Amino acid sequence: MVAPMLTEKELWRVLEDVKDPEIPVVNLVEMGIIRSVTREDERVTVIITPTFTGCPALHTMQGDIATRLKQAGFSDVKVTVTLSPAWTTEWITEEARAKLKDFGLAPPPRHTGDFELVLVESAACPYCGSHNTRINNTWGPTPCRILYYCDHCQQGFEQFKPL
């Protein structure tokens, strides 16, 4: 089988079809999990950085990436995991932040490394926009989320942890 002649930009577009297995409204490219895509002859190598070292969706993401590239005509696919540099919520695109909010998941605030500022700010409710919110639990259904409650609209919601 001869691999299709796709440019690097076209490979990135193909990978935009790979959804986050835990948040299917966003893809791994816009979440900043896919760090690089290279092609050398027939082989495509993708480097990913999971949101957490022990991310339970890691193997699913690797398999989904390989499957999508094989569907695009590549038989030699390598998906490598790197933990350095560590993933940060700064890598989430603005488009993904809007999708997270529309999904009912408060996007993490921008912090540019100043975590003290982020930790004292209240999360904006993705449903009503109020900052009259409080943390219910620092651990949500996945290690990368916090459970909040909005005292304004009385709705529970999750926020992606700022990392």
N, C-alpha and C. Protein backbone atom coordinates (compact mmCIF):
# COMPACT_ATOMS: atom_id res chain seq x y z
N MET A 1 0.84 -1.18 0.00
CA MET A 1 0.00 0.00 0.00
C MET A 1 0.88 1.24 0.00
N VAL A 2 0.60 2.17 -0.87
CA VAL A 2 1.35 3.41 -0.95
C VAL A 2 0.59 4.47 -0.17
N ALA A 3 1.31 5.13 0.73
CA ALA A 3 0.68 6.16 1.57
C ALA A 3 0.31 7.36 0.71
N PRO A 4 -0.81 8.03 1.03
CA PRO A 4 -1.21 9.21 0.27
C PRO A 4 -0.21 10.34 0.43
N MET A 5 -0.14 11.18 -0.56
CA MET A 5 0.79 12.31 -0.53
C MET A 5 0.11 13.50 0.15
N LEU A 6 0.10 13.49 1.45
CA LEU A 6 -0.49 14.59 2.21
C LEU A 6 0.61 15.46 2.78
N THR A 7 0.38 16.75 2.77
CA THR A 7 1.32 17.68 3.39
C THR A 7 1.16 17.60 4.91
N GLU A 8 2.09 18.19 5.61
CA GLU A 8 1.99 18.21 7.08
C GLU A 8 0.71 18.92 7.51
N LYS A 9 0.37 20.01 6.83
CA LYS A 9 -0.86 20.75 7.15
C LYS A 9 -2.08 19.86 6.95
N GLU A 10 -2.09 19.05 5.89
CA GLU A 10 -3.21 18.15 5.63
C GLU A 10 -3.27 17.03 6.67
N LEU A 11 -2.12 16.57 7.14
CA LEU A 11 -2.09 15.57 8.21
C LEU A 11 -2.73 16.13 9.49
N TRP A 12 -2.41 17.38 9.81
CA TRP A 12 -3.01 18.02 10.99
C TRP A 12 -4.53 18.08 10.83
N ARG A 13 -5.01 18.38 9.61
CA ARG A 13 -6.45 18.42 9.37
C ARG A 13 -7.10 17.05 9.56
N VAL A 14 -6.42 16.00 9.10
CA VAL A 14 -6.92 14.64 9.31
C VAL A 14 -7.05 14.36 10.80
N LEU A 15 -6.06 14.78 11.57
CA LEU A 15 -6.06 14.51 13.01
C LEU A 15 -7.11 15.33 13.77
N GLU A 16 -7.64 16.37 13.15
CA GLU A 16 -8.73 17.12 13.79
C GLU A 16 -9.99 16.28 13.92
N ASP A 17 -10.04 15.14 13.24
CA ASP A 17 -11.18 14.23 13.35
C ASP A 17 -11.11 13.37 14.62
N VAL A 18 -9.97 13.38 15.29
CA VAL A 18 -9.79 12.53 16.48
C VAL A 18 -10.29 13.30 17.70
N LYS A 19 -11.43 12.86 18.20
CA LYS A 19 -12.07 13.53 19.34
C LYS A 19 -11.42 13.12 20.66
N ASP A 20 -11.52 14.00 21.63
CA ASP A 20 -11.09 13.66 22.98
C ASP A 20 -12.06 12.60 23.49
N PRO A 21 -11.57 11.44 23.93
CA PRO A 21 -12.49 10.38 24.35
C PRO A 21 -13.32 10.72 25.58
N GLU A 22 -12.89 11.68 26.38
CA GLU A 22 -13.64 12.06 27.58
C GLU A 22 -14.52 13.28 27.35
N ILE A 23 -14.20 14.07 26.33
CA ILE A 23 -14.96 15.28 26.01
C ILE A 23 -15.13 15.32 24.49
N PRO A 24 -16.10 14.62 23.96
CA PRO A 24 -16.18 14.43 22.50
C PRO A 24 -16.54 15.67 21.68
N VAL A 25 -16.74 16.81 22.31
CA VAL A 25 -17.02 18.02 21.53
C VAL A 25 -15.74 18.72 21.08
N VAL A 26 -14.59 18.26 21.58
CA VAL A 26 -13.31 18.84 21.19
C VAL A 26 -12.41 17.76 20.63
N ASN A 27 -11.45 18.17 19.81
CA ASN A 27 -10.51 17.19 19.27
C ASN A 27 -9.15 17.33 19.93
N LEU A 28 -8.31 16.34 19.70
CA LEU A 28 -7.01 16.31 20.37
C LEU A 28 -6.05 17.39 19.88
N VAL A 29 -6.27 17.88 18.67
CA VAL A 29 -5.43 18.96 18.16
C VAL A 29 -5.74 20.25 18.91
N GLU A 30 -7.01 20.62 18.99
CA GLU A 30 -7.36 21.88 19.64
C GLU A 30 -7.20 21.84 21.16
N MET A 31 -7.12 20.64 21.73
CA MET A 31 -6.83 20.52 23.16
C MET A 31 -5.33 20.61 23.44
N GLY A 32 -4.52 20.62 22.38
CA GLY A 32 -3.07 20.73 22.56
C GLY A 32 -2.43 19.42 22.95
N ILE A 33 -3.15 18.32 22.85
CA ILE A 33 -2.61 17.01 23.23
C ILE A 33 -1.69 16.48 22.13
N ILE A 34 -2.07 16.69 20.87
CA ILE A 34 -1.18 16.32 19.77
C ILE A 34 -0.15 17.43 19.62
N ARG A 35 1.10 17.09 19.85
CA ARG A 35 2.17 18.09 19.87
C ARG A 35 2.88 18.23 18.53
N SER A 36 3.04 17.10 17.82
CA SER A 36 3.71 17.19 16.52
C SER A 36 3.29 16.03 15.64
N VAL A 37 3.39 16.28 14.34
CA VAL A 37 3.09 15.27 13.33
C VAL A 37 4.20 15.37 12.29
N THR A 38 4.86 14.26 12.06
CA THR A 38 5.90 14.24 11.04
C THR A 38 5.70 13.05 10.13
N ARG A 39 6.16 13.21 8.91
CA ARG A 39 6.07 12.13 7.94
C ARG A 39 7.45 11.92 7.34
N GLU A 40 7.86 10.66 7.35
CA GLU A 40 9.13 10.30 6.73
C GLU A 40 8.86 9.09 5.85
N ASP A 41 8.85 9.34 4.55
CA ASP A 41 8.50 8.31 3.57
C ASP A 41 7.10 7.79 3.86
N GLU A 42 7.00 6.51 4.22
CA GLU A 42 5.70 5.88 4.44
C GLU A 42 5.22 5.99 5.89
N ARG A 43 6.08 6.42 6.80
CA ARG A 43 5.74 6.46 8.22
C ARG A 43 5.27 7.84 8.67
N VAL A 44 4.20 7.82 9.46
CA VAL A 44 3.72 9.04 10.11
C VAL A 44 3.94 8.85 11.61
N THR A 45 4.60 9.81 12.22
CA THR A 45 4.84 9.78 13.66
C THR A 45 4.10 10.95 14.30
N VAL A 46 3.34 10.62 15.32
CA VAL A 46 2.58 11.62 16.06
C VAL A 46 3.08 11.60 17.50
N ILE A 47 3.38 12.76 18.03
CA ILE A 47 3.81 12.87 19.44
C ILE A 47 2.67 13.52 20.20
N ILE A 48 2.27 12.87 21.30
CA ILE A 48 1.20 13.41 22.13
C ILE A 48 1.68 13.60 23.56
N THR A 49 1.04 14.55 24.23
CA THR A 49 1.27 14.77 25.66
C THR A 49 -0.09 14.72 26.33
N PRO A 50 -0.32 13.71 27.20
CA PRO A 50 -1.61 13.62 27.89
C PRO A 50 -1.76 14.74 28.91
N THR A 51 -3.01 15.00 29.28
CA THR A 51 -3.28 16.05 30.25
C THR A 51 -2.71 15.72 31.62
N PHE A 52 -2.65 14.45 31.95
CA PHE A 52 -2.07 13.98 33.20
C PHE A 52 -1.20 12.77 32.91
N THR A 53 -0.17 12.57 33.70
CA THR A 53 0.73 11.43 33.50
C THR A 53 -0.04 10.12 33.51
N GLY A 54 -0.97 9.96 34.39
CA GLY A 54 -1.73 8.72 34.48
C GLY A 54 -3.08 8.80 33.79
N CYS A 55 -3.18 9.58 32.74
CA CYS A 55 -4.45 9.79 32.04
C CYS A 55 -5.06 8.45 31.64
N PRO A 56 -6.28 8.15 32.11
CA PRO A 56 -6.90 6.86 31.81
C PRO A 56 -7.28 6.71 30.33
N ALA A 57 -7.30 7.80 29.59
CA ALA A 57 -7.68 7.75 28.18
C ALA A 57 -6.48 7.66 27.24
N LEU A 58 -5.29 7.54 27.80
CA LEU A 58 -4.06 7.57 27.00
C LEU A 58 -4.07 6.52 25.88
N HIS A 59 -4.34 5.27 26.22
CA HIS A 59 -4.31 4.21 25.21
C HIS A 59 -5.42 4.37 24.18
N THR A 60 -6.56 4.88 24.62
CA THR A 60 -7.66 5.15 23.68
C THR A 60 -7.24 6.22 22.69
N MET A 61 -6.61 7.29 23.17
CA MET A 61 -6.16 8.35 22.28
C MET A 61 -5.14 7.82 21.27
N GLN A 62 -4.18 7.04 21.75
CA GLN A 62 -3.18 6.48 20.84
C GLN A 62 -3.85 5.62 19.76
N GLY A 63 -4.77 4.78 20.18
CA GLY A 63 -5.47 3.91 19.22
C GLY A 63 -6.32 4.71 18.24
N ASP A 64 -7.02 5.74 18.73
CA ASP A 64 -7.86 6.56 17.85
C ASP A 64 -7.03 7.31 16.81
N ILE A 65 -5.87 7.80 17.22
CA ILE A 65 -4.97 8.50 16.29
C ILE A 65 -4.50 7.52 15.21
N ALA A 66 -4.03 6.36 15.63
CA ALA A 66 -3.54 5.36 14.67
C ALA A 66 -4.65 4.92 13.73
N THR A 67 -5.84 4.69 14.26
CA THR A 67 -6.97 4.28 13.43
C THR A 67 -7.31 5.34 12.39
N ARG A 68 -7.35 6.60 12.82
CA ARG A 68 -7.71 7.67 11.87
C ARG A 68 -6.68 7.80 10.76
N LEU A 69 -5.39 7.69 11.11
CA LEU A 69 -4.35 7.79 10.08
C LEU A 69 -4.38 6.58 9.14
N LYS A 70 -4.71 5.42 9.67
CA LYS A 70 -4.84 4.24 8.81
C LYS A 70 -6.04 4.38 7.87
N GLN A 71 -7.12 4.98 8.38
CA GLN A 71 -8.28 5.24 7.52
C GLN A 71 -7.90 6.21 6.39
N ALA A 72 -6.94 7.10 6.66
CA ALA A 72 -6.50 8.06 5.66
C ALA A 72 -5.49 7.44 4.69
N GLY A 73 -5.15 6.16 4.89
CA GLY A 73 -4.28 5.46 3.95
C GLY A 73 -2.87 5.17 4.41
N PHE A 74 -2.56 5.45 5.66
CA PHE A 74 -1.21 5.19 6.17
C PHE A 74 -1.19 3.88 6.93
N SER A 75 -0.27 2.99 6.56
CA SER A 75 -0.19 1.70 7.25
C SER A 75 0.90 1.71 8.32
N ASP A 76 1.87 2.62 8.21
CA ASP A 76 2.96 2.69 9.16
C ASP A 76 2.78 3.93 10.03
N VAL A 77 2.17 3.75 11.19
CA VAL A 77 1.85 4.86 12.09
C VAL A 77 2.48 4.59 13.45
N LYS A 78 3.13 5.59 13.98
CA LYS A 78 3.73 5.49 15.31
C LYS A 78 3.21 6.65 16.15
N VAL A 79 2.62 6.34 17.30
CA VAL A 79 2.13 7.37 18.22
C VAL A 79 2.98 7.28 19.49
N THR A 80 3.74 8.33 19.74
CA THR A 80 4.67 8.37 20.86
C THR A 80 4.15 9.32 21.92
N VAL A 81 4.33 8.94 23.17
CA VAL A 81 3.91 9.77 24.30
C VAL A 81 5.14 10.46 24.88
N THR A 82 5.01 11.76 25.13
CA THR A 82 6.05 12.50 25.83
C THR A 82 5.41 13.22 27.00
N LEU A 83 6.13 13.30 28.08
CA LEU A 83 5.63 13.99 29.27
C LEU A 83 6.40 15.29 29.53
N SER A 84 7.32 15.61 28.63
CA SER A 84 8.12 16.81 28.81
C SER A 84 8.17 17.58 27.49
N PRO A 85 7.73 18.81 27.50
CA PRO A 85 7.18 19.52 28.64
C PRO A 85 5.80 18.98 29.01
N ALA A 86 5.44 19.16 30.26
CA ALA A 86 4.14 18.72 30.73
C ALA A 86 3.03 19.50 30.04
N TRP A 87 1.92 18.83 29.80
CA TRP A 87 0.77 19.47 29.17
C TRP A 87 0.28 20.62 30.05
N THR A 88 -0.20 21.66 29.43
CA THR A 88 -0.73 22.81 30.15
C THR A 88 -2.03 23.25 29.49
N THR A 89 -2.93 23.78 30.27
CA THR A 89 -4.19 24.28 29.72
C THR A 89 -3.96 25.50 28.83
N GLU A 90 -2.79 26.08 28.87
CA GLU A 90 -2.47 27.17 27.96
C GLU A 90 -2.47 26.70 26.51
N TRP A 91 -2.32 25.40 26.28
CA TRP A 91 -2.29 24.84 24.93
C TRP A 91 -3.69 24.66 24.34
N ILE A 92 -4.73 24.82 25.13
CA ILE A 92 -6.10 24.69 24.61
C ILE A 92 -6.42 25.92 23.77
N THR A 93 -6.89 25.70 22.55
CA THR A 93 -7.20 26.82 21.66
C THR A 93 -8.45 27.56 22.13
N GLU A 94 -8.62 28.77 21.62
CA GLU A 94 -9.81 29.55 21.95
C GLU A 94 -11.07 28.85 21.43
N GLU A 95 -10.98 28.23 20.25
CA GLU A 95 -12.12 27.50 19.70
C GLU A 95 -12.54 26.37 20.64
N ALA A 96 -11.57 25.63 21.17
CA ALA A 96 -11.87 24.54 22.10
C ALA A 96 -12.46 25.08 23.40
N ARG A 97 -11.96 26.21 23.88
CA ARG A 97 -12.51 26.81 25.10
C ARG A 97 -13.99 27.15 24.92
N ALA A 98 -14.33 27.68 23.76
CA ALA A 98 -15.74 27.99 23.48
C ALA A 98 -16.58 26.71 23.41
N LYS A 99 -16.04 25.67 22.81
CA LYS A 99 -16.76 24.40 22.72
C LYS A 99 -16.96 23.78 24.11
N LEU A 100 -15.95 23.88 24.97
CA LEU A 100 -16.07 23.37 26.33
C LEU A 100 -17.20 24.09 27.06
N LYS A 101 -17.23 25.41 26.92
CA LYS A 101 -18.27 26.20 27.60
C LYS A 101 -19.66 25.82 27.08
N ASP A 102 -19.79 25.69 25.76
CA ASP A 102 -21.08 25.30 25.17
C ASP A 102 -21.51 23.91 25.63
N PHE A 103 -20.55 23.08 25.94
CA PHE A 103 -20.80 21.71 26.41
C PHE A 103 -21.21 21.69 27.89
N GLY A 104 -21.02 22.83 28.58
CA GLY A 104 -21.35 22.92 30.00
C GLY A 104 -20.16 22.66 30.90
N LEU A 105 -18.97 22.75 30.34
CA LEU A 105 -17.74 22.54 31.09
C LEU A 105 -16.96 23.85 31.07
N ALA A 106 -16.82 24.47 32.23
CA ALA A 106 -16.13 25.76 32.29
C ALA A 106 -14.69 25.59 31.84
N PRO A 107 -14.27 26.38 30.85
CA PRO A 107 -12.88 26.26 30.41
C PRO A 107 -11.95 26.81 31.48
N PRO A 108 -10.72 26.33 31.52
CA PRO A 108 -9.78 26.85 32.51
C PRO A 108 -9.39 28.28 32.16
N PRO A 109 -9.14 29.10 33.16
CA PRO A 109 -8.71 30.46 32.87
C PRO A 109 -7.29 30.47 32.30
N ARG A 110 -6.99 31.48 31.52
CA ARG A 110 -5.61 31.67 31.05
C ARG A 110 -4.79 32.10 32.25
N HIS A 111 -3.57 31.58 32.35
CA HIS A 111 -2.76 31.92 33.52
C HIS A 111 -1.33 32.30 33.18
N THR A 112 -0.86 31.95 32.04
CA THR A 112 0.53 32.21 31.63
C THR A 112 1.54 31.88 32.73
N GLY A 113 1.23 30.83 33.49
CA GLY A 113 2.14 30.37 34.53
C GLY A 113 1.92 30.95 35.91
N ASP A 114 1.03 31.93 36.06
CA ASP A 114 0.77 32.56 37.35
C ASP A 114 -0.40 31.83 38.03
N PHE A 115 -0.10 30.69 38.66
CA PHE A 115 -1.15 29.86 39.24
C PHE A 115 -1.79 30.48 40.47
N GLU A 116 -1.06 31.30 41.22
CA GLU A 116 -1.64 31.92 42.41
C GLU A 116 -2.85 32.76 42.05
N LEU A 117 -2.76 33.51 40.96
CA LEU A 117 -3.86 34.34 40.51
C LEU A 117 -5.06 33.47 40.13
N VAL A 118 -4.82 32.39 39.44
CA VAL A 118 -5.89 31.51 38.97
C VAL A 118 -6.60 30.82 40.14
N LEU A 119 -5.86 30.42 41.14
CA LEU A 119 -6.44 29.66 42.23
C LEU A 119 -7.35 30.48 43.13
N VAL A 120 -7.24 31.80 43.10
CA VAL A 120 -8.12 32.62 43.93
C VAL A 120 -9.34 33.12 43.15
N GLU A 121 -9.32 32.99 41.84
CA GLU A 121 -10.46 33.43 41.03
C GLU A 121 -11.57 32.39 41.09
N SER A 122 -12.80 32.88 41.07
CA SER A 122 -13.92 31.94 41.00
C SER A 122 -14.16 31.58 39.54
N ALA A 123 -14.67 30.39 39.33
CA ALA A 123 -14.97 29.95 37.97
C ALA A 123 -16.27 30.57 37.51
N ALA A 124 -16.31 30.98 36.26
CA ALA A 124 -17.56 31.50 35.70
C ALA A 124 -18.45 30.33 35.32
N CYS A 125 -19.69 30.39 35.72
CA CYS A 125 -20.66 29.34 35.39
C CYS A 125 -20.85 29.29 33.87
N PRO A 126 -20.70 28.12 33.25
CA PRO A 126 -20.88 28.04 31.79
C PRO A 126 -22.34 28.19 31.36
N TYR A 127 -23.27 28.12 32.30
CA TYR A 127 -24.69 28.21 31.97
C TYR A 127 -25.22 29.64 32.05
N CYS A 128 -24.83 30.37 33.11
CA CYS A 128 -25.38 31.72 33.28
C CYS A 128 -24.30 32.81 33.29
N GLY A 129 -23.03 32.43 33.36
CA GLY A 129 -21.94 33.40 33.35
C GLY A 129 -21.60 34.00 34.70
N SER A 130 -22.35 33.66 35.74
CA SER A 130 -22.12 34.23 37.06
C SER A 130 -20.79 33.74 37.65
N HIS A 131 -20.18 34.61 38.44
CA HIS A 131 -18.98 34.23 39.20
C HIS A 131 -19.35 33.90 40.64
N ASN A 132 -20.65 33.86 40.94
CA ASN A 132 -21.13 33.50 42.26
C ASN A 132 -21.14 31.96 42.34
N THR A 133 -19.93 31.40 42.30
CA THR A 133 -19.74 29.95 42.25
C THR A 133 -18.82 29.51 43.37
N ARG A 134 -18.88 28.23 43.67
CA ARG A 134 -18.01 27.68 44.71
C ARG A 134 -17.61 26.26 44.35
N ILE A 135 -16.47 25.86 44.84
CA ILE A 135 -15.97 24.50 44.59
C ILE A 135 -16.74 23.52 45.48
N ASN A 136 -17.25 22.49 44.86
CA ASN A 136 -17.88 21.38 45.61
C ASN A 136 -16.86 20.30 45.91
N ASN A 137 -15.98 20.06 44.96
CA ASN A 137 -14.97 19.01 45.13
C ASN A 137 -13.82 19.32 44.17
N THR A 138 -12.60 19.21 44.65
CA THR A 138 -11.45 19.48 43.79
C THR A 138 -11.16 18.33 42.83
N TRP A 139 -11.86 17.22 43.01
CA TRP A 139 -11.71 16.08 42.08
C TRP A 139 -13.05 15.79 41.44
N GLY A 140 -13.08 15.89 40.12
CA GLY A 140 -14.28 15.60 39.36
C GLY A 140 -14.27 14.18 38.84
N PRO A 141 -15.04 13.90 37.80
CA PRO A 141 -15.11 12.54 37.26
C PRO A 141 -13.80 12.10 36.61
N THR A 142 -12.94 13.04 36.27
CA THR A 142 -11.60 12.72 35.79
C THR A 142 -10.62 13.59 36.57
N PRO A 143 -9.34 13.20 36.62
CA PRO A 143 -8.37 13.98 37.41
C PRO A 143 -8.18 15.41 36.93
N CYS A 144 -8.60 15.72 35.71
CA CYS A 144 -8.35 17.05 35.17
C CYS A 144 -9.53 18.00 35.35
N ARG A 145 -10.52 17.63 36.17
CA ARG A 145 -11.69 18.50 36.34
C ARG A 145 -12.01 18.74 37.82
N ILE A 146 -12.63 19.89 38.09
CA ILE A 146 -13.08 20.29 39.43
C ILE A 146 -14.60 20.42 39.38
N LEU A 147 -15.27 20.03 40.45
CA LEU A 147 -16.72 20.18 40.53
C LEU A 147 -17.07 21.50 41.21
N TYR A 148 -17.94 22.26 40.57
CA TYR A 148 -18.39 23.56 41.08
C TYR A 148 -19.91 23.57 41.23
N TYR A 149 -20.38 24.57 41.97
CA TYR A 149 -21.81 24.82 42.09
C TYR A 149 -22.02 26.31 41.90
N CYS A 150 -23.02 26.67 41.10
CA CYS A 150 -23.36 28.08 40.88
C CYS A 150 -24.51 28.45 41.81
N ASP A 151 -24.26 29.41 42.70
CA ASP A 151 -25.30 29.86 43.62
C ASP A 151 -26.32 30.76 42.92
N HIS A 152 -25.99 31.28 41.76
CA HIS A 152 -26.92 32.14 41.03
C HIS A 152 -28.00 31.32 40.32
N CYS A 153 -27.59 30.37 39.48
CA CYS A 153 -28.58 29.59 38.72
C CYS A 153 -28.82 28.21 39.34
N GLN A 154 -28.10 27.93 40.41
CA GLN A 154 -28.25 26.68 41.16
C GLN A 154 -27.99 25.45 40.30
N GLN A 155 -26.98 25.58 39.47
CA GLN A 155 -26.59 24.49 38.56
C GLN A 155 -25.19 24.00 38.95
N GLY A 156 -25.01 22.71 39.01
CA GLY A 156 -23.68 22.14 39.19
C GLY A 156 -22.96 22.12 37.85
N PHE A 157 -21.65 22.26 37.88
CA PHE A 157 -20.88 22.19 36.64
C PHE A 157 -19.44 21.80 36.96
N GLU A 158 -18.72 21.48 35.92
CA GLU A 158 -17.31 21.12 36.06
C GLU A 158 -16.47 22.19 35.39
N GLN A 159 -15.24 22.34 35.89
CA GLN A 159 -14.27 23.20 35.24
C GLN A 159 -13.03 22.37 34.97
N PHE A 160 -12.46 22.58 33.81
CA PHE A 160 -11.18 21.97 33.49
C PHE A 160 -10.15 22.62 34.39
N LYS A 161 -9.36 21.84 35.12
CA LYS A 161 -8.37 22.40 36.04
C LYS A 161 -7.32 23.20 35.28
N PRO A 162 -7.00 24.37 35.78
CA PRO A 162 -5.91 25.13 35.14
C PRO A 162 -4.57 24.49 35.50
N LEU A 163 -3.88 24.04 34.51
CA LEU A 163 -2.57 23.42 34.71
C LEU A 163 -1.51 24.14 33.92
